PDB file of N, CA and C in Angstrom:
ATOM      1  N   MET A   1       4.698 -46.680  -3.967  1.00  0.00           N
ATOM      2  CA  MET A   1       4.716 -47.176  -2.604  1.00  0.00           C
ATOM      3  C   MET A   1       4.453 -48.678  -2.609  1.00  0.00           C
ATOM      4  N   ALA A   2       4.933 -49.322  -1.571  1.00  0.00           N
ATOM      5  CA  ALA A   2       4.750 -50.769  -1.437  1.00  0.00           C
ATOM      6  C   ALA A   2       4.420 -51.096   0.009  1.00  0.00           C
ATOM      7  N   LEU A   3       3.816 -52.245   0.206  1.00  0.00           N
ATOM      8  CA  LEU A   3       3.562 -52.765   1.549  1.00  0.00           C
ATOM      9  C   LEU A   3       4.621 -53.810   1.859  1.00  0.00           C
ATOM     10  N   ILE A   4       5.120 -53.766   3.077  1.00  0.00           N
ATOM     11  CA  ILE A   4       6.118 -54.731   3.536  1.00  0.00           C
ATOM     12  C   ILE A   4       5.581 -55.400   4.793  1.00  0.00           C
ATOM     13  N   ILE A   5       5.699 -56.722   4.848  1.00  0.00           N
ATOM     14  CA  ILE A   5       5.439 -57.428   6.100  1.00  0.00           C
ATOM     15  C   ILE A   5       6.755 -58.063   6.531  1.00  0.00           C
ATOM     16  N   MET A   6       7.087 -57.836   7.784  1.00  0.00           N
ATOM     17  CA  MET A   6       8.284 -58.413   8.398  1.00  0.00           C
ATOM     18  C   MET A   6       7.818 -59.230   9.582  1.00  0.00           C
ATOM     19  N   TYR A   7       8.380 -60.411   9.749  1.00  0.00           N
ATOM     20  CA  TYR A   7       7.930 -61.241  10.857  1.00  0.00           C
ATOM     21  C   TYR A   7       9.064 -62.085  11.414  1.00  0.00           C
ATOM     22  N   ASP A   8       8.850 -62.509  12.637  1.00  0.00           N
ATOM     23  CA  ASP A   8       9.750 -63.431  13.323  1.00  0.00           C
ATOM     24  C   ASP A   8       8.868 -64.515  13.930  1.00  0.00           C
ATOM     25  N   ILE A   9       9.045 -65.725  13.456  1.00  0.00           N
ATOM     26  CA  ILE A   9       8.272 -66.866  13.953  1.00  0.00           C
ATOM     27  C   ILE A   9       9.267 -67.891  14.483  1.00  0.00           C
ATOM     28  N   PRO A  10       9.099 -68.324  15.735  1.00  0.00           N
ATOM     29  CA  PRO A  10      10.014 -69.338  16.277  1.00  0.00           C
ATOM     30  C   PRO A  10      10.018 -70.604  15.414  1.00  0.00           C
ATOM     31  N   LYS A  11      11.182 -71.194  15.257  1.00  0.00           N
ATOM     32  CA  LYS A  11      11.315 -72.410  14.436  1.00  0.00           C
ATOM     33  C   LYS A  11      10.457 -73.560  14.959  1.00  0.00           C
ATOM     34  N   THR A  12      10.099 -73.510  16.231  1.00  0.00           N
ATOM     35  CA  THR A  12       9.241 -74.553  16.810  1.00  0.00           C
ATOM     36  C   THR A  12       7.801 -74.449  16.306  1.00  0.00           C
ATOM     37  N   LYS A  13       7.451 -73.341  15.678  1.00  0.00           N
ATOM     38  CA  LYS A  13       6.098 -73.112  15.146  1.00  0.00           C
ATOM     39  C   LYS A  13       6.073 -73.424  13.646  1.00  0.00           C
ATOM     40  N   ASN A  14       6.509 -74.628  13.282  1.00  0.00           N
ATOM     41  CA  ASN A  14       6.653 -75.006  11.883  1.00  0.00           C
ATOM     42  C   ASN A  14       5.348 -74.901  11.102  1.00  0.00           C
ATOM     43  N   THR A  15       4.237 -75.294  11.690  1.00  0.00           N
ATOM     44  CA  THR A  15       2.946 -75.222  11.005  1.00  0.00           C
ATOM     45  C   THR A  15       2.612 -73.777  10.645  1.00  0.00           C
ATOM     46  N   LEU A  16       2.862 -72.860  11.564  1.00  0.00           N
ATOM     47  CA  LEU A  16       2.610 -71.439  11.311  1.00  0.00           C
ATOM     48  C   LEU A  16       3.535 -70.916  10.216  1.00  0.00           C
ATOM     49  N   LEU A  17       4.798 -71.295  10.254  1.00  0.00           N
ATOM     50  CA  LEU A  17       5.754 -70.874   9.220  1.00  0.00           C
ATOM     51  C   LEU A  17       5.281 -71.286   7.830  1.00  0.00           C
ATOM     52  N   VAL A  18       4.848 -72.519   7.707  1.00  0.00           N
ATOM     53  CA  VAL A  18       4.393 -73.030   6.410  1.00  0.00           C
ATOM     54  C   VAL A  18       3.118 -72.321   5.974  1.00  0.00           C
ATOM     55  N   ARG A  19       2.204 -72.107   6.887  1.00  0.00           N
ATOM     56  CA  ARG A  19       0.945 -71.433   6.546  1.00  0.00           C
ATOM     57  C   ARG A  19       1.205 -70.012   6.046  1.00  0.00           C
ATOM     58  N   VAL A  20       2.071 -69.284   6.746  1.00  0.00           N
ATOM     59  CA  VAL A  20       2.401 -67.911   6.340  1.00  0.00           C
ATOM     60  C   VAL A  20       3.056 -67.924   4.960  1.00  0.00           C
ATOM     61  N   TRP A  21       4.015 -68.822   4.754  1.00  0.00           N
ATOM     62  CA  TRP A  21       4.704 -68.914   3.472  1.00  0.00           C
ATOM     63  C   TRP A  21       3.705 -69.187   2.345  1.00  0.00           C
ATOM     64  N   ARG A  22       2.782 -70.114   2.570  1.00  0.00           N
ATOM     65  CA  ARG A  22       1.783 -70.447   1.547  1.00  0.00           C
ATOM     66  C   ARG A  22       0.882 -69.257   1.230  1.00  0.00           C
ATOM     67  N   GLU A  23       0.460 -68.541   2.270  1.00  0.00           N
ATOM     68  CA  GLU A  23      -0.399 -67.367   2.050  1.00  0.00           C
ATOM     69  C   GLU A  23       0.331 -66.310   1.220  1.00  0.00           C
ATOM     70  N   LEU A  24       1.586 -66.067   1.533  1.00  0.00           N
ATOM     71  CA  LEU A  24       2.361 -65.069   0.794  1.00  0.00           C
ATOM     72  C   LEU A  24       2.593 -65.517  -0.647  1.00  0.00           C
ATOM     73  N   GLN A  25       2.789 -66.800  -0.862  1.00  0.00           N
ATOM     74  CA  GLN A  25       2.933 -67.330  -2.222  1.00  0.00           C
ATOM     75  C   GLN A  25       1.647 -67.121  -3.018  1.00  0.00           C
ATOM     76  N   LYS A  26       0.500 -67.362  -2.389  1.00  0.00           N
ATOM     77  CA  LYS A  26      -0.797 -67.172  -3.063  1.00  0.00           C
ATOM     78  C   LYS A  26      -0.995 -65.726  -3.496  1.00  0.00           C
ATOM     79  N   LEU A  27      -0.454 -64.804  -2.704  1.00  0.00           N
ATOM     80  CA  LEU A  27      -0.589 -63.378  -3.003  1.00  0.00           C
ATOM     81  C   LEU A  27       0.416 -62.896  -4.047  1.00  0.00           C
ATOM     82  N   ASN A  28       1.303 -63.783  -4.474  1.00  0.00           N
ATOM     83  CA  ASN A  28       2.398 -63.406  -5.375  1.00  0.00           C
ATOM     84  C   ASN A  28       3.281 -62.326  -4.774  1.00  0.00           C
ATOM     85  N   ALA A  29       3.474 -62.405  -3.471  1.00  0.00           N
ATOM     86  CA  ALA A  29       4.353 -61.457  -2.789  1.00  0.00           C
ATOM     87  C   ALA A  29       5.796 -61.716  -3.217  1.00  0.00           C
ATOM     88  N   THR A  30       6.596 -60.667  -3.175  1.00  0.00           N
ATOM     89  CA  THR A  30       8.012 -60.762  -3.515  1.00  0.00           C
ATOM     90  C   THR A  30       8.822 -60.879  -2.238  1.00  0.00           C
ATOM     91  N   LYS A  31       9.639 -61.920  -2.164  1.00  0.00           N
ATOM     92  CA  LYS A  31      10.492 -62.100  -0.994  1.00  0.00           C
ATOM     93  C   LYS A  31      11.689 -61.161  -1.122  1.00  0.00           C
ATOM     94  N   VAL A  32      11.827 -60.248  -0.161  1.00  0.00           N
ATOM     95  CA  VAL A  32      12.925 -59.290  -0.154  1.00  0.00           C
ATOM     96  C   VAL A  32      14.142 -59.921   0.509  1.00  0.00           C
ATOM     97  N   MET A  33      13.915 -60.577   1.623  1.00  0.00           N
ATOM     98  CA  MET A  33      14.928 -61.344   2.352  1.00  0.00           C
ATOM     99  C   MET A  33      14.185 -62.259   3.305  1.00  0.00           C
ATOM    100  N   ASP A  34      14.896 -63.048   4.090  1.00  0.00           N
ATOM    101  CA  ASP A  34      14.216 -63.953   5.017  1.00  0.00           C
ATOM    102  C   ASP A  34      13.215 -63.189   5.875  1.00  0.00           C
ATOM    103  N   SER A  35      11.984 -63.636   5.859  1.00  0.00           N
ATOM    104  CA  SER A  35      10.903 -63.085   6.690  1.00  0.00           C
ATOM    105  C   SER A  35      10.537 -61.642   6.367  1.00  0.00           C
ATOM    106  N   VAL A  36      10.876 -61.187   5.163  1.00  0.00           N
ATOM    107  CA  VAL A  36      10.501 -59.843   4.703  1.00  0.00           C
ATOM    108  C   VAL A  36       9.928 -59.983   3.294  1.00  0.00           C
ATOM    109  N   TRP A  37       8.666 -59.595   3.146  1.00  0.00           N
ATOM    110  CA  TRP A  37       7.963 -59.755   1.875  1.00  0.00           C
ATOM    111  C   TRP A  37       7.325 -58.439   1.458  1.00  0.00           C
ATOM    112  N   GLN A  38       7.247 -58.213   0.146  1.00  0.00           N
ATOM    113  CA  GLN A  38       6.715 -56.975  -0.416  1.00  0.00           C
ATOM    114  C   GLN A  38       5.509 -57.266  -1.290  1.00  0.00           C
ATOM    115  N   LEU A  39       4.516 -56.374  -1.174  1.00  0.00           N
ATOM    116  CA  LEU A  39       3.309 -56.442  -2.002  1.00  0.00           C
ATOM    117  C   LEU A  39       2.959 -55.054  -2.509  1.00  0.00           C
ATOM    118  N   GLU A  40       2.186 -55.022  -3.576  1.00  0.00           N
ATOM    119  CA  GLU A  40       1.662 -53.758  -4.083  1.00  0.00           C
ATOM    120  C   GLU A  40       0.790 -53.113  -3.009  1.00  0.00           C
ATOM    121  N   ASP A  41       0.897 -51.797  -2.886  1.00  0.00           N
ATOM    122  CA  ASP A  41       0.126 -51.056  -1.886  1.00  0.00           C
ATOM    123  C   ASP A  41      -1.292 -50.811  -2.400  1.00  0.00           C
ATOM    124  N   ASN A  42      -2.238 -51.578  -1.872  1.00  0.00           N
ATOM    125  CA  ASN A  42      -3.653 -51.326  -2.135  1.00  0.00           C
ATOM    126  C   ASN A  42      -4.449 -51.824  -0.930  1.00  0.00           C
ATOM    127  N   GLU A  43      -5.697 -51.444  -0.863  1.00  0.00           N
ATOM    128  CA  GLU A  43      -6.525 -51.756   0.310  1.00  0.00           C
ATOM    129  C   GLU A  43      -6.725 -53.256   0.511  1.00  0.00           C
ATOM    130  N   ILE A  44      -6.888 -53.980  -0.568  1.00  0.00           N
ATOM    131  CA  ILE A  44      -7.094 -55.431  -0.448  1.00  0.00           C
ATOM    132  C   ILE A  44      -5.868 -56.095   0.162  1.00  0.00           C
ATOM    133  N   ASN A  45      -4.695 -55.783  -0.384  1.00  0.00           N
ATOM    134  CA  ASN A  45      -3.465 -56.370   0.158  1.00  0.00           C
ATOM    135  C   ASN A  45      -3.239 -55.960   1.606  1.00  0.00           C
ATOM    136  N   LEU A  46      -3.556 -54.715   1.934  1.00  0.00           N
ATOM    137  CA  LEU A  46      -3.378 -54.255   3.308  1.00  0.00           C
ATOM    138  C   LEU A  46      -4.256 -55.058   4.266  1.00  0.00           C
ATOM    139  N   GLU A  47      -5.506 -55.284   3.901  1.00  0.00           N
ATOM    140  CA  GLU A  47      -6.400 -56.061   4.771  1.00  0.00           C
ATOM    141  C   GLU A  47      -5.917 -57.503   4.923  1.00  0.00           C
ATOM    142  N   ILE A  48      -5.453 -58.081   3.829  1.00  0.00           N
ATOM    143  CA  ILE A  48      -4.934 -59.451   3.898  1.00  0.00           C
ATOM    144  C   ILE A  48      -3.706 -59.506   4.802  1.00  0.00           C
ATOM    145  N   LEU A  49      -2.810 -58.536   4.662  1.00  0.00           N
ATOM    146  CA  LEU A  49      -1.609 -58.516   5.506  1.00  0.00           C
ATOM    147  C   LEU A  49      -1.953 -58.281   6.974  1.00  0.00           C
ATOM    148  N   LYS A  50      -2.964 -57.474   7.241  1.00  0.00           N
ATOM    149  CA  LYS A  50      -3.389 -57.274   8.632  1.00  0.00           C
ATOM    150  C   LYS A  50      -3.867 -58.591   9.236  1.00  0.00           C
ATOM    151  N   ASN A  51      -4.630 -59.356   8.470  1.00  0.00           N
ATOM    152  CA  ASN A  51      -5.089 -60.665   8.951  1.00  0.00           C
ATOM    153  C   ASN A  51      -3.916 -61.613   9.166  1.00  0.00           C
ATOM    154  N   LEU A  52      -2.956 -61.582   8.262  1.00  0.00           N
ATOM    155  CA  LEU A  52      -1.775 -62.428   8.390  1.00  0.00           C
ATOM    156  C   LEU A  52      -0.940 -62.017   9.602  1.00  0.00           C
ATOM    157  N   ARG A  53      -0.805 -60.714   9.807  1.00  0.00           N
ATOM    158  CA  ARG A  53      -0.082 -60.209  10.987  1.00  0.00           C
ATOM    159  C   ARG A  53      -0.751 -60.698  12.269  1.00  0.00           C
ATOM    160  N   ASN A  54      -2.076 -60.628  12.325  1.00  0.00           N
ATOM    161  CA  ASN A  54      -2.798 -61.092  13.512  1.00  0.00           C
ATOM    162  C   ASN A  54      -2.598 -62.587  13.732  1.00  0.00           C
ATOM    163  N   LEU A  55      -2.622 -63.357  12.659  1.00  0.00           N
ATOM    164  CA  LEU A  55      -2.382 -64.797  12.743  1.00  0.00           C
ATOM    165  C   LEU A  55      -0.992 -65.078  13.323  1.00  0.00           C
ATOM    166  N   ILE A  56       0.006 -64.367  12.838  1.00  0.00           N
ATOM    167  CA  ILE A  56       1.383 -64.552  13.315  1.00  0.00           C
ATOM    168  C   ILE A  56       1.497 -64.153  14.778  1.00  0.00           C
ATOM    169  N   ASN A  57       0.983 -62.988  15.125  1.00  0.00           N
ATOM    170  CA  ASN A  57       1.096 -62.501  16.504  1.00  0.00           C
ATOM    171  C   ASN A  57       0.350 -63.402  17.486  1.00  0.00           C
ATOM    172  N   GLN A  58      -0.818 -63.883  17.090  1.00  0.00           N
ATOM    173  CA  GLN A  58      -1.589 -64.766  17.972  1.00  0.00           C
ATOM    174  C   GLN A  58      -0.996 -66.167  18.039  1.00  0.00           C
ATOM    175  N   GLY A  59      -0.207 -66.526  17.032  1.00  0.00           N
ATOM    176  CA  GLY A  59       0.391 -67.853  16.981  1.00  0.00           C
ATOM    177  C   GLY A  59       1.747 -67.954  17.659  1.00  0.00           C
ATOM    178  N   GLY A  60       2.175 -66.875  18.311  1.00  0.00           N
ATOM    179  CA  GLY A  60       3.440 -66.914  19.037  1.00  0.00           C
ATOM    180  C   GLY A  60       4.598 -66.232  18.339  1.00  0.00           C
ATOM    181  N   GLY A  61       4.320 -65.587  17.212  1.00  0.00           N
ATOM    182  CA  GLY A  61       5.361 -64.851  16.503  1.00  0.00           C
ATOM    183  C   GLY A  61       5.194 -63.358  16.702  1.00  0.00           C
ATOM    184  N   ASN A  62       5.915 -62.594  15.898  1.00  0.00           N
ATOM    185  CA  ASN A  62       5.849 -61.146  15.951  1.00  0.00           C
ATOM    186  C   ASN A  62       5.896 -60.636  14.511  1.00  0.00           C
ATOM    187  N   ALA A  63       4.926 -59.806  14.132  1.00  0.00           N
ATOM    188  CA  ALA A  63       4.872 -59.304  12.761  1.00  0.00           C
ATOM    189  C   ALA A  63       4.550 -57.820  12.746  1.00  0.00           C
ATOM    190  N   LYS A  64       5.117 -57.142  11.759  1.00  0.00           N
ATOM    191  CA  LYS A  64       4.878 -55.718  11.537  1.00  0.00           C
ATOM    192  C   LYS A  64       4.585 -55.505  10.058  1.00  0.00           C
ATOM    193  N   ILE A  65       3.738 -54.515   9.771  1.00  0.00           N
ATOM    194  CA  ILE A  65       3.436 -54.115   8.397  1.00  0.00           C
ATOM    195  C   ILE A  65       3.882 -52.670   8.239  1.00  0.00           C
ATOM    196  N   MET A  66       4.501 -52.379   7.095  1.00  0.00           N
ATOM    197  CA  MET A  66       4.955 -51.016   6.824  1.00  0.00           C
ATOM    198  C   MET A  66       4.612 -50.628   5.391  1.00  0.00           C
ATOM    199  N   LYS A  67       4.421 -49.338   5.183  1.00  0.00           N
ATOM    200  CA  LYS A  67       4.336 -48.786   3.839  1.00  0.00           C
ATOM    201  C   LYS A  67       5.682 -48.124   3.576  1.00  0.00           C
ATOM    202  N   VAL A  68       6.244 -48.408   2.408  1.00  0.00           N
ATOM    203  CA  VAL A  68       7.568 -47.871   2.100  1.00  0.00           C
ATOM    204  C   VAL A  68       7.569 -47.219   0.723  1.00  0.00           C
ATOM    205  N   PHE A  69       8.446 -46.248   0.570  1.00  0.00           N
ATOM    206  CA  PHE A  69       8.713 -45.634  -0.720  1.00  0.00           C
ATOM    207  C   PHE A  69       9.947 -46.298  -1.300  1.00  0.00           C
ATOM    208  N   GLU A  70       9.914 -46.550  -2.582  1.00  0.00           N
ATOM    209  CA  GLU A  70      11.082 -47.118  -3.250  1.00  0.00           C
ATOM    210  C   GLU A  70      11.807 -46.007  -3.996  1.00  0.00           C
ATOM    211  N   PHE A  71      13.117 -45.993  -3.874  1.00  0.00           N
ATOM    212  CA  PHE A  71      13.939 -45.015  -4.573  1.00  0.00           C
ATOM    213  C   PHE A  71      14.796 -45.730  -5.605  1.00  0.00           C
ATOM    214  N   ASP A  72      14.941 -45.118  -6.751  1.00  0.00           N
ATOM    215  CA  ASP A  72      15.810 -45.695  -7.799  1.00  0.00           C
ATOM    216  C   ASP A  72      17.238 -45.264  -7.583  1.00  0.00           C
TER     217      ASP A  72
END
């Protein structure tokens, strides 16, 4: 299983975009596509993503976190 964060941040919120990108880079998250990032499913990553989701939502964006199964 993996954790996915998907978000939409208006281009006018450049500071927020950069902050989110930097946080995801620090976590070594894998970019799946624009505004979709994957992390290993564990409690620490989940808590960090919840905080990031709150930051995005409070900053004028929209973010969702999902747990997904990967199929080969």
